[in-house]
C-alpha atoms as a PDB file:
ATOM      1  CA  MET A   1      -0.818  23.753  13.585  1.00  0.00           C
ATOM      2  CA  LYS A   2       1.675  24.242  10.722  1.00  0.00           C
ATOM      3  CA  HIS A   3       2.242  21.567   8.162  1.00  0.00           C
ATOM      4  CA  LEU A   4       5.711  20.567   7.201  1.00  0.00           C
ATOM      5  CA  SER A   5       6.542  20.674   3.400  1.00  0.00           C
ATOM      6  CA  THR A   6       9.457  19.009   1.781  1.00  0.00           C
ATOM      7  CA  THR A   7      11.948  20.877  -0.438  1.00  0.00           C
ATOM      8  CA  VAL A   8      14.455  18.986  -2.620  1.00  0.00           C
ATOM      9  CA  LEU A   9      17.891  20.629  -2.654  1.00  0.00           C
ATOM     10  CA  LYS A  10      20.957  19.813  -4.673  1.00  0.00           C
ATOM     11  CA  ASP A  11      23.479  17.360  -3.215  1.00  0.00           C
ATOM     12  CA  CYS A  12      26.812  18.832  -1.957  1.00  0.00           C
ATOM     13  CA  THR A  13      28.828  15.857  -3.154  1.00  0.00           C
ATOM     14  CA  ARG A  14      32.180  17.183  -1.916  1.00  0.00           C
ATOM     15  CA  ILE A  15      30.882  17.261   1.633  1.00  0.00           C
ATOM     16  CA  SER A  16      30.777  14.138   3.674  1.00  0.00           C
ATOM     17  CA  ALA A  17      30.638  12.788   7.287  1.00  0.00           C
ATOM     18  CA  SER A  18      32.254   9.935   9.108  1.00  0.00           C
ATOM     19  CA  ILE A  19      30.576   7.741  11.721  1.00  0.00           C
ATOM     20  CA  ASP A  20      32.274   6.668  14.838  1.00  0.00           C
ATOM     21  CA  ARG A  21      31.010   4.214  17.528  1.00  0.00           C
ATOM     22  CA  VAL A  22      31.796   5.178  21.155  1.00  0.00           C
ATOM     23  CA  VAL A  23      31.095   3.788  24.529  1.00  0.00           C
ATOM     24  CA  ALA A  24      31.034   6.471  27.222  1.00  0.00           C
ATOM     25  CA  PRO A  25      31.597   5.719  30.843  1.00  0.00           C
ATOM     26  CA  THR A  26      29.056   7.713  32.819  1.00  0.00           C
ATOM     27  CA  PRO A  27      27.967   7.892  36.450  1.00  0.00           C
ATOM     28  CA  ALA A  28      24.773   6.105  35.538  1.00  0.00           C
ATOM     29  CA  GLY A  29      26.464   3.347  33.552  1.00  0.00           C
ATOM     30  CA  ARG A  30      28.038   2.879  30.129  1.00  0.00           C
ATOM     31  CA  LEU A  31      26.101   4.419  27.194  1.00  0.00           C
ATOM     32  CA  ARG A  32      26.821   3.524  23.560  1.00  0.00           C
ATOM     33  CA  ALA A  33      26.493   6.067  20.769  1.00  0.00           C
ATOM     34  CA  PHE A  34      27.127   6.723  17.131  1.00  0.00           C
ATOM     35  CA  VAL A  35      28.859  10.037  16.506  1.00  0.00           C
ATOM     36  CA  LEU A  36      28.619  11.685  13.086  1.00  0.00           C
ATOM     37  CA  HIS A  37      31.536  14.017  12.187  1.00  0.00           C
ATOM     38  CA  PRO A  38      31.244  16.225   9.126  1.00  0.00           C
ATOM     39  CA  THR A  39      34.389  16.980   7.153  1.00  0.00           C
ATOM     40  CA  HIS A  40      33.321  20.655   7.055  1.00  0.00           C
ATOM     41  CA  ASP A  41      32.640  22.242  10.411  1.00  0.00           C
ATOM     42  CA  ALA A  42      29.921  24.960  10.304  1.00  0.00           C
ATOM     43  CA  GLY A  43      30.419  25.841  13.986  1.00  0.00           C
ATOM     44  CA  ARG A  44      26.795  25.096  14.856  1.00  0.00           C
ATOM     45  CA  ALA A  45      25.437  23.441  18.068  1.00  0.00           C
ATOM     46  CA  PRO A  46      25.669  19.597  18.115  1.00  0.00           C
ATOM     47  CA  LEU A  47      22.460  17.739  17.405  1.00  0.00           C
ATOM     48  CA  VAL A  48      21.476  14.758  19.710  1.00  0.00           C
ATOM     49  CA  VAL A  49      19.074  12.295  18.179  1.00  0.00           C
ATOM     50  CA  LEU A  50      17.158  10.046  20.616  1.00  0.00           C
ATOM     51  CA  HIS A  51      15.538   6.883  19.409  1.00  0.00           C
ATOM     52  CA  GLY A  52      12.230   5.480  20.682  1.00  0.00           C
ATOM     53  CA  ILE A  53      11.291   2.071  21.977  1.00  0.00           C
ATOM     54  CA  SER A  54      12.424   0.335  18.778  1.00  0.00           C
ATOM     55  CA  ARG A  55      15.915   1.393  19.814  1.00  0.00           C
ATOM     56  CA  ASN A  56      16.914   1.900  16.107  1.00  0.00           C
ATOM     57  CA  ALA A  57      20.009   3.973  16.734  1.00  0.00           C
ATOM     58  CA  LYS A  58      22.002   2.437  13.920  1.00  0.00           C
ATOM     59  CA  GLU A  59      19.176   3.224  11.395  1.00  0.00           C
ATOM     60  CA  LEU A  60      18.798   6.794  12.711  1.00  0.00           C
ATOM     61  CA  ALA A  61      22.603   7.332  12.380  1.00  0.00           C
ATOM     62  CA  ARG A  62      22.370   6.244   8.793  1.00  0.00           C
ATOM     63  CA  LEU A  63      19.387   8.378   8.055  1.00  0.00           C
ATOM     64  CA  PHE A  64      20.872  11.456   9.717  1.00  0.00           C
ATOM     65  CA  ALA A  65      24.461  11.078   8.207  1.00  0.00           C
ATOM     66  CA  PRO A  66      23.536  12.993   5.030  1.00  0.00           C
ATOM     67  CA  GLU A  67      22.330  15.879   7.217  1.00  0.00           C
ATOM     68  CA  ALA A  68      25.591  15.998   9.164  1.00  0.00           C
ATOM     69  CA  ALA A  69      27.344  16.292   5.800  1.00  0.00           C
ATOM     70  CA  ARG A  70      24.871  18.837   4.466  1.00  0.00           C
ATOM     71  CA  THR A  71      24.827  21.130   7.408  1.00  0.00           C
ATOM     72  CA  GLY A  72      28.365  20.685   8.935  1.00  0.00           C
ATOM     73  CA  ARG A  73      26.953  19.660  12.167  1.00  0.00           C
ATOM     74  CA  ARG A  74      28.096  17.103  14.688  1.00  0.00           C
ATOM     75  CA  ILE A  75      25.354  14.616  15.378  1.00  0.00           C
ATOM     76  CA  VAL A  76      25.183  12.163  18.288  1.00  0.00           C
ATOM     77  CA  VAL A  77      22.822   9.187  18.297  1.00  0.00           C
ATOM     78  CA  PRO A  78      22.854   7.519  21.675  1.00  0.00           C
ATOM     79  CA  HIS A  79      21.951   3.713  21.859  1.00  0.00           C
ATOM     80  CA  PHE A  80      20.146   2.795  25.027  1.00  0.00           C
ATOM     81  CA  THR A  81      20.552  -1.020  24.693  1.00  0.00           C
ATOM     82  CA  PRO A  82      17.784  -3.185  26.175  1.00  0.00           C
ATOM     83  CA  ASN A  83      20.052  -5.268  28.400  1.00  0.00           C
ATOM     84  CA  ARG A  84      21.747  -2.284  30.095  1.00  0.00           C
ATOM     85  CA  TRP A  85      18.888   0.244  29.754  1.00  0.00           C
ATOM     86  CA  PRO A  86      15.432  -1.497  30.004  1.00  0.00           C
ATOM     87  CA  HIS A  87      14.068   1.869  31.067  1.00  0.00           C
ATOM     88  CA  PHE A  88      15.361   4.898  29.224  1.00  0.00           C
ATOM     89  CA  GLN A  89      12.251   7.109  28.437  1.00  0.00           C
ATOM     90  CA  ARG A  90      12.456   9.058  31.671  1.00  0.00           C
ATOM     91  CA  PRO A  91      14.549   9.520  34.714  1.00  0.00           C
ATOM     92  CA  CYS A  92      13.279   7.358  37.699  1.00  0.00           C
ATOM     93  CA  ARG A  93      14.540   5.420  40.591  1.00  0.00           C
ATOM     94  CA  ALA A  94      15.137   2.418  38.359  1.00  0.00           C
ATOM     95  CA  ALA A  95      17.333   4.310  35.829  1.00  0.00           C
ATOM     96  CA  ARG A  96      18.975   7.658  35.202  1.00  0.00           C
ATOM     97  CA  PRO A  97      19.124   8.033  31.469  1.00  0.00           C
ATOM     98  CA  ASP A  98      19.414  11.850  31.959  1.00  0.00           C
ATOM     99  CA  VAL A  99      22.690  11.382  33.851  1.00  0.00           C
ATOM    100  CA  ALA A 100      23.899   8.994  31.211  1.00  0.00           C
ATOM    101  CA  LEU A 101      23.081  11.425  28.408  1.00  0.00           C
ATOM    102  CA  ALA A 102      24.811  14.384  30.233  1.00  0.00           C
ATOM    103  CA  GLY A 103      27.751  12.054  30.907  1.00  0.00           C
ATOM    104  CA  LEU A 104      27.957  11.034  27.244  1.00  0.00           C
ATOM    105  CA  MET A 105      28.133  14.749  26.103  1.00  0.00           C
ATOM    106  CA  ASP A 106      30.821  15.426  28.803  1.00  0.00           C
ATOM    107  CA  PHE A 107      32.842  12.432  27.509  1.00  0.00           C
ATOM    108  CA  LEU A 108      32.684  13.613  23.897  1.00  0.00           C
ATOM    109  CA  ALA A 109      33.663  17.091  25.033  1.00  0.00           C
ATOM    110  CA  THR A 110      36.977  15.791  26.382  1.00  0.00           C
ATOM    111  CA  GLN A 111      37.706  14.808  22.757  1.00  0.00           C
ATOM    112  CA  ASP A 112      36.150  17.738  20.950  1.00  0.00           C
ATOM    113  CA  ALA A 113      35.277  21.008  22.740  1.00  0.00           C
ATOM    114  CA  ALA A 114      32.355  21.617  20.365  1.00  0.00           C
ATOM    115  CA  PHE A 115      30.397  18.958  22.344  1.00  0.00           C
ATOM    116  CA  ALA A 116      30.592  21.143  25.418  1.00  0.00           C
ATOM    117  CA  ARG A 117      28.175  23.652  23.830  1.00  0.00           C
ATOM    118  CA  PRO A 118      24.456  23.387  24.591  1.00  0.00           C
ATOM    119  CA  ALA A 119      22.943  20.950  22.101  1.00  0.00           C
ATOM    120  CA  GLN A 120      19.795  20.637  20.116  1.00  0.00           C
ATOM    121  CA  ILE A 121      17.927  17.597  21.302  1.00  0.00           C
ATOM    122  CA  PHE A 122      15.698  15.610  18.928  1.00  0.00           C
ATOM    123  CA  GLY A 123      13.688  12.655  20.035  1.00  0.00           C
ATOM    124  CA  HIS A 124      10.892  10.504  18.565  1.00  0.00           C
ATOM    125  CA  SER A 125       8.255   8.757  20.650  1.00  0.00           C
ATOM    126  CA  GLY A 126       9.961   7.463  23.825  1.00  0.00           C
ATOM    127  CA  GLY A 127      13.025   9.530  22.778  1.00  0.00           C
ATOM    128  CA  ALA A 128      10.885  12.705  22.730  1.00  0.00           C
ATOM    129  CA  GLN A 129       9.853  11.754  26.324  1.00  0.00           C
ATOM    130  CA  LEU A 130      13.486  11.641  27.477  1.00  0.00           C
ATOM    131  CA  ALA A 131      14.352  14.747  25.449  1.00  0.00           C
ATOM    132  CA  HIS A 132      11.814  17.107  27.198  1.00  0.00           C
ATOM    133  CA  ARG A 133      12.508  15.676  30.630  1.00  0.00           C
ATOM    134  CA  PHE A 134      16.255  16.014  30.104  1.00  0.00           C
ATOM    135  CA  ALA A 135      15.648  19.703  29.119  1.00  0.00           C
ATOM    136  CA  MET A 136      13.565  20.284  32.249  1.00  0.00           C
ATOM    137  CA  LEU A 137      16.429  18.985  34.420  1.00  0.00           C
ATOM    138  CA  TYR A 138      19.305  20.472  32.443  1.00  0.00           C
ATOM    139  CA  PRO A 139      17.975  23.498  30.642  1.00  0.00           C
ATOM    140  CA  ASN A 140      21.365  25.095  30.459  1.00  0.00           C
ATOM    141  CA  ARG A 141      22.570  22.221  28.352  1.00  0.00           C
ATOM    142  CA  VAL A 142      19.877  22.516  25.685  1.00  0.00           C
ATOM    143  CA  ALA A 143      19.801  25.079  22.849  1.00  0.00           C
ATOM    144  CA  ARG A 144      16.694  23.818  21.101  1.00  0.00           C
ATOM    145  CA  LEU A 145      14.205  21.022  21.489  1.00  0.00           C
ATOM    146  CA  SER A 146      12.608  18.933  18.606  1.00  0.00           C
ATOM    147  CA  LEU A 147       9.953  16.661  20.057  1.00  0.00           C
ATOM    148  CA  VAL A 148       8.246  14.188  17.713  1.00  0.00           C
ATOM    149  CA  ALA A 149       5.262  12.083  18.528  1.00  0.00           C
ATOM    150  CA  ALA A 150       5.740  11.556  22.265  1.00  0.00           C
ATOM    151  CA  GLY A 151       3.079   9.230  23.725  1.00  0.00           C
ATOM    152  CA  TRP A 152       2.605  11.560  26.740  1.00  0.00           C
ATOM    153  CA  TYR A 153       4.304  14.503  28.358  1.00  0.00           C
ATOM    154  CA  CYS A 154       5.291  15.950  31.729  1.00  0.00           C
ATOM    155  CA  LEU A 155       3.118  19.035  31.715  1.00  0.00           C
ATOM    156  CA  PRO A 156       4.751  22.152  33.163  1.00  0.00           C
ATOM    157  CA  ASP A 157       1.809  22.669  35.601  1.00  0.00           C
ATOM    158  CA  ASP A 158      -0.032  20.889  38.373  1.00  0.00           C
ATOM    159  CA  ARG A 159      -2.989  19.480  36.443  1.00  0.00           C
ATOM    160  CA  MET A 160      -1.512  16.009  36.857  1.00  0.00           C
ATOM    161  CA  ALA A 161       0.755  14.296  39.433  1.00  0.00           C
ATOM    162  CA  TYR A 162       4.310  13.694  38.429  1.00  0.00           C
ATOM    163  CA  PRO A 163       5.498  12.159  36.072  1.00  0.00           C
ATOM    164  CA  TYR A 164       2.478  13.399  34.032  1.00  0.00           C
ATOM    165  CA  GLY A 165       2.712  16.905  35.401  1.00  0.00           C
ATOM    166  CA  LEU A 166       4.202  18.761  38.350  1.00  0.00           C
ATOM    167  CA  ASP A 167       1.730  18.087  41.170  1.00  0.00           C
ATOM    168  CA  ASP A 168       3.429  16.044  43.920  1.00  0.00           C
ATOM    169  CA  LYS A 169       0.155  14.881  45.597  1.00  0.00           C
ATOM    170  CA  ASN A 170       1.838  15.523  48.944  1.00  0.00           C
ATOM    171  CA  ASP A 171       3.989  12.465  48.357  1.00  0.00           C
ATOM    172  CA  ARG A 172       7.535  12.942  49.548  1.00  0.00           C
ATOM    173  CA  GLN A 173       9.163  10.910  46.778  1.00  0.00           C
ATOM    174  CA  LEU A 174       7.191  12.718  44.146  1.00  0.00           C
ATOM    175  CA  ALA A 175       8.017  16.006  45.782  1.00  0.00           C
ATOM    176  CA  LEU A 176      11.752  15.495  45.279  1.00  0.00           C
ATOM    177  CA  TRP A 177      11.321  14.876  41.489  1.00  0.00           C
ATOM    178  CA  VAL A 178       8.939  17.835  41.205  1.00  0.00           C
ATOM    179  CA  ARG A 179      11.347  20.133  42.877  1.00  0.00           C
ATOM    180  CA  ARG A 180      14.115  19.012  40.483  1.00  0.00           C
ATOM    181  CA  HIS A 181      11.896  19.695  37.509  1.00  0.00           C
ATOM    182  CA  ARG A 182      10.708  23.072  38.859  1.00  0.00           C
ATOM    183  CA  ALA A 183      14.141  24.293  39.720  1.00  0.00           C
ATOM    184  CA  GLY A 184      14.969  25.414  36.231  1.00  0.00           C
ATOM    185  CA  LEU A 185      11.480  25.795  34.848  1.00  0.00           C
ATOM    186  CA  ALA A 186      11.708  29.379  33.708  1.00  0.00           C
ATOM    187  CA  ARG A 187      14.895  28.632  31.746  1.00  0.00           C
ATOM    188  CA  PHE A 188      13.381  25.474  30.329  1.00  0.00           C
ATOM    189  CA  LEU A 189      10.310  27.462  29.112  1.00  0.00           C
ATOM    190  CA  SER A 190      12.573  29.872  27.203  1.00  0.00           C
ATOM    191  CA  ILE A 191      14.123  27.021  25.145  1.00  0.00           C
ATOM    192  CA  PRO A 192      12.885  27.220  21.462  1.00  0.00           C
ATOM    193  CA  THR A 193      10.772  24.096  21.163  1.00  0.00           C
ATOM    194  CA  GLU A 194       9.141  22.539  18.100  1.00  0.00           C
ATOM    195  CA  ILE A 195       6.556  19.865  18.602  1.00  0.00           C
ATOM    196  CA  LEU A 196       5.912  17.627  15.607  1.00  0.00           C
ATOM    197  CA  VAL A 197       3.557  14.743  15.010  1.00  0.00           C
ATOM    198  CA  GLY A 198       2.356  12.747  12.038  1.00  0.00           C
ATOM    199  CA  ASP A 199      -1.105  13.938  10.967  1.00  0.00           C
ATOM    200  CA  SER A 200      -2.031  10.144  10.632  1.00  0.00           C
ATOM    201  CA  ASP A 201      -0.530   9.260  14.069  1.00  0.00           C
ATOM    202  CA  THR A 202      -3.933   8.697  15.677  1.00  0.00           C
ATOM    203  CA  ASP A 203      -3.945   4.906  16.529  1.00  0.00           C
ATOM    204  CA  ARG A 204      -4.580   3.869  20.095  1.00  0.00           C
ATOM    205  CA  ASP A 205      -1.929   1.190  19.889  1.00  0.00           C
ATOM    206  CA  GLU A 206      -0.386  -0.885  22.730  1.00  0.00           C
ATOM    207  CA  SER A 207       2.584   1.437  22.911  1.00  0.00           C
ATOM    208  CA  LEU A 208       0.435   4.434  23.705  1.00  0.00           C
ATOM    209  CA  ARG A 209      -0.114   4.796  27.404  1.00  0.00           C
ATOM    210  CA  GLN A 210      -3.759   4.877  28.149  1.00  0.00           C
ATOM    211  CA  THR A 211      -5.420   5.907  31.447  1.00  0.00           C
ATOM    212  CA  SER A 212      -8.607   7.754  32.061  1.00  0.00           C
ATOM    213  CA  ASP A 213      -6.867  10.762  33.643  1.00  0.00           C
ATOM    214  CA  LEU A 214      -4.265  10.886  30.913  1.00  0.00           C
ATOM    215  CA  ASP A 215      -6.957  10.760  28.169  1.00  0.00           C
ATOM    216  CA  VAL A 216      -9.032  13.512  29.841  1.00  0.00           C
ATOM    217  CA  VAL A 217      -6.207  15.981  30.436  1.00  0.00           C
ATOM    218  CA  GLN A 218      -3.719  15.290  27.633  1.00  0.00           C
ATOM    219  CA  GLY A 219      -6.003  13.744  24.943  1.00  0.00           C
ATOM    220  CA  THR A 220      -6.646  10.402  23.529  1.00  0.00           C
ATOM    221  CA  THR A 221      -4.075  10.301  20.616  1.00  0.00           C
ATOM    222  CA  ARG A 222      -0.534  11.515  19.955  1.00  0.00           C
ATOM    223  CA  VAL A 223      -1.840  14.352  17.824  1.00  0.00           C
ATOM    224  CA  ALA A 224      -4.097  15.580  20.591  1.00  0.00           C
ATOM    225  CA  ARG A 225      -1.449  15.256  23.213  1.00  0.00           C
ATOM    226  CA  ALA A 226       1.072  17.151  21.169  1.00  0.00           C
ATOM    227  CA  ALA A 227      -1.481  20.027  20.958  1.00  0.00           C
ATOM    228  CA  THR A 228      -2.122  19.921  24.633  1.00  0.00           C
ATOM    229  CA  TYR A 229       1.618  20.086  25.386  1.00  0.00           C
ATOM    230  CA  ALA A 230       2.179  23.015  23.114  1.00  0.00           C
ATOM    231  CA  GLU A 231      -0.611  24.993  24.753  1.00  0.00           C
ATOM    232  CA  ALA A 232       0.676  24.011  28.241  1.00  0.00           C
ATOM    233  CA  LEU A 233       4.168  25.393  27.435  1.00  0.00           C
ATOM    234  CA  ARG A 234       2.772  28.656  26.116  1.00  0.00           C
ATOM    235  CA  THR A 235       0.513  29.086  29.155  1.00  0.00           C
ATOM    236  CA  ALA A 236       3.208  28.299  31.594  1.00  0.00           C
ATOM    237  CA  ALA A 237       5.649  30.594  29.861  1.00  0.00           C
ATOM    238  CA  SER A 238       3.109  33.394  29.992  1.00  0.00           C
ATOM    239  CA  GLN A 239       2.465  32.851  33.630  1.00  0.00           C
ATOM    240  CA  ALA A 240       6.199  32.825  34.368  1.00  0.00           C
ATOM    241  CA  GLY A 241       6.800  36.049  32.374  1.00  0.00           C
ATOM    242  CA  VAL A 242       8.925  34.228  29.792  1.00  0.00           C
ATOM    243  CA  SER A 243       8.820  34.740  26.069  1.00  0.00           C
ATOM    244  CA  ALA A 244       7.976  31.340  24.619  1.00  0.00           C
ATOM    245  CA  ASP A 245       9.120  30.104  21.176  1.00  0.00           C
ATOM    246  CA  VAL A 246       6.840  27.044  20.722  1.00  0.00           C
ATOM    247  CA  THR A 247       5.677  25.643  17.368  1.00  0.00           C
ATOM    248  CA  LEU A 248       3.331  22.764  16.616  1.00  0.00           C
ATOM    249  CA  THR A 249       3.824  21.168  13.249  1.00  0.00           C
ATOM    250  CA  ALA A 250       1.931  18.303  11.399  1.00  0.00           C
ATOM    251  CA  LEU A 251       3.891  15.805   9.291  1.00  0.00           C
ATOM    252  CA  PRO A 252       1.678  15.067   6.335  1.00  0.00           C
ATOM    253  CA  GLY A 253       0.891  11.429   5.602  1.00  0.00           C
ATOM    254  CA  VAL A 254       2.966  10.176   8.509  1.00  0.00           C
ATOM    255  CA  GLN A 255       1.958   7.567  11.064  1.00  0.00           C
ATOM    256  CA  HIS A 256       3.989   6.568  14.192  1.00  0.00           C
ATOM    257  CA  ASP A 257       7.118   5.781  12.266  1.00  0.00           C
ATOM    258  CA  VAL A 258      10.238   7.855  12.431  1.00  0.00           C
ATOM    259  CA  ALA A 259      11.918   6.405   9.190  1.00  0.00           C
ATOM    260  CA  GLN A 260       8.696   7.200   7.311  1.00  0.00           C
ATOM    261  CA  ALA A 261       8.678  10.731   8.678  1.00  0.00           C
ATOM    262  CA  ILE A 262      12.310  11.122   7.458  1.00  0.00           C
ATOM    263  CA  ARG A 263      11.719   9.606   4.035  1.00  0.00           C
ATOM    264  CA  VAL A 264       8.207  10.957   3.379  1.00  0.00           C
ATOM    265  CA  ALA A 265       8.054  14.345   5.162  1.00  0.00           C
ATOM    266  CA  GLY A 266      11.825  15.287   5.183  1.00  0.00           C
ATOM    267  CA  LEU A 267      11.947  15.200   9.041  1.00  0.00           C
ATOM    268  CA  ALA A 268      15.698  14.847   9.388  1.00  0.00           C
ATOM    269  CA  ARG A 269      16.413  17.659   6.953  1.00  0.00           C
ATOM    270  CA  HIS A 270      13.886  19.967   8.746  1.00  0.00           C
ATOM    271  CA  VAL A 271      15.416  19.230  12.189  1.00  0.00           C
ATOM    272  CA  ALA A 272      18.976  19.579  11.125  1.00  0.00           C
ATOM    273  CA  GLY A 273      18.298  22.937   9.628  1.00  0.00           C
ATOM    274  CA  PRO A 274      19.647  24.989   6.802  1.00  0.00           C
ATOM    275  CA  ASP A 275      22.452  23.946   4.450  1.00  0.00           C
ATOM    276  CA  LEU A 276      26.117  24.441   5.231  1.00  0.00           C
ATOM    277  CA  PHE A 277      26.163  26.608   2.064  1.00  0.00           C
ATOM    278  CA  PRO A 278      23.387  28.621   0.548  1.00  0.00           C
ATOM    279  CA  PHE A 279      21.510  26.852  -2.199  1.00  0.00           C
ATOM    280  CA  SER A 280      23.092  28.987  -4.922  1.00  0.00           C
ATOM    281  CA  GLN A 281      26.517  27.826  -3.775  1.00  0.00           C
ATOM    282  CA  ALA A 282      25.698  24.030  -3.537  1.00  0.00           C
ATOM    283  CA  VAL A 283      28.209  21.985  -5.464  1.00  0.00           C
END
């Protein structure tokens, strides 16, 4: 497991980003979002930032705004409101957040063709759950995955029944969802994926799903489950004959708190990537 280090760079004070609020009509229902537009366009893939169960989309938009300005990237922060989206962490019969997210990007693409490109998807906690499941269902729409501190994962193998894995247990309803997730599995396994977790994110709190089977197969903490998922991706890719690009990174001194990870470990800067200009040209 790598450890993320923080590098302080000069501010590019002439570069800025504006924040718009949009409401996208989608086949699964309306979805709100904050859209960050940099004044300088670097021509890079858009970045989608998915919140967890705290639903702190506004805070994430504010914390990622400097990264839109710094990198010249369009950043989208969907807001799954509790009244309209009581369930958003994964697609299920009760809700289709995956359809809503795809619909949001389609809506934005009607206004700016850059949003039609495959996007980098970032998610923290429940957002990381939605992110990797979205990528399994729509691998052609995802350029890169950045998954932070998911409570549990859909393993790309049959060690556990869906939604924990891809075993359908001879259940017709589960079989439909398994087929959907297996259809693009090889493409999904080729997506560059970074899995990140705070090295202090080891509490067995009430928001961490806990079952005996889940603890045995995926581990008892978010740190252990992140390692299990990374290894499962590499193994599945090898079996499918796919070249995997999977990294596992520890965030030093970070618990289960995305704002802390951004402020203490430089998470947003790391995820958004290199500067719009090389360091030597920063203004």
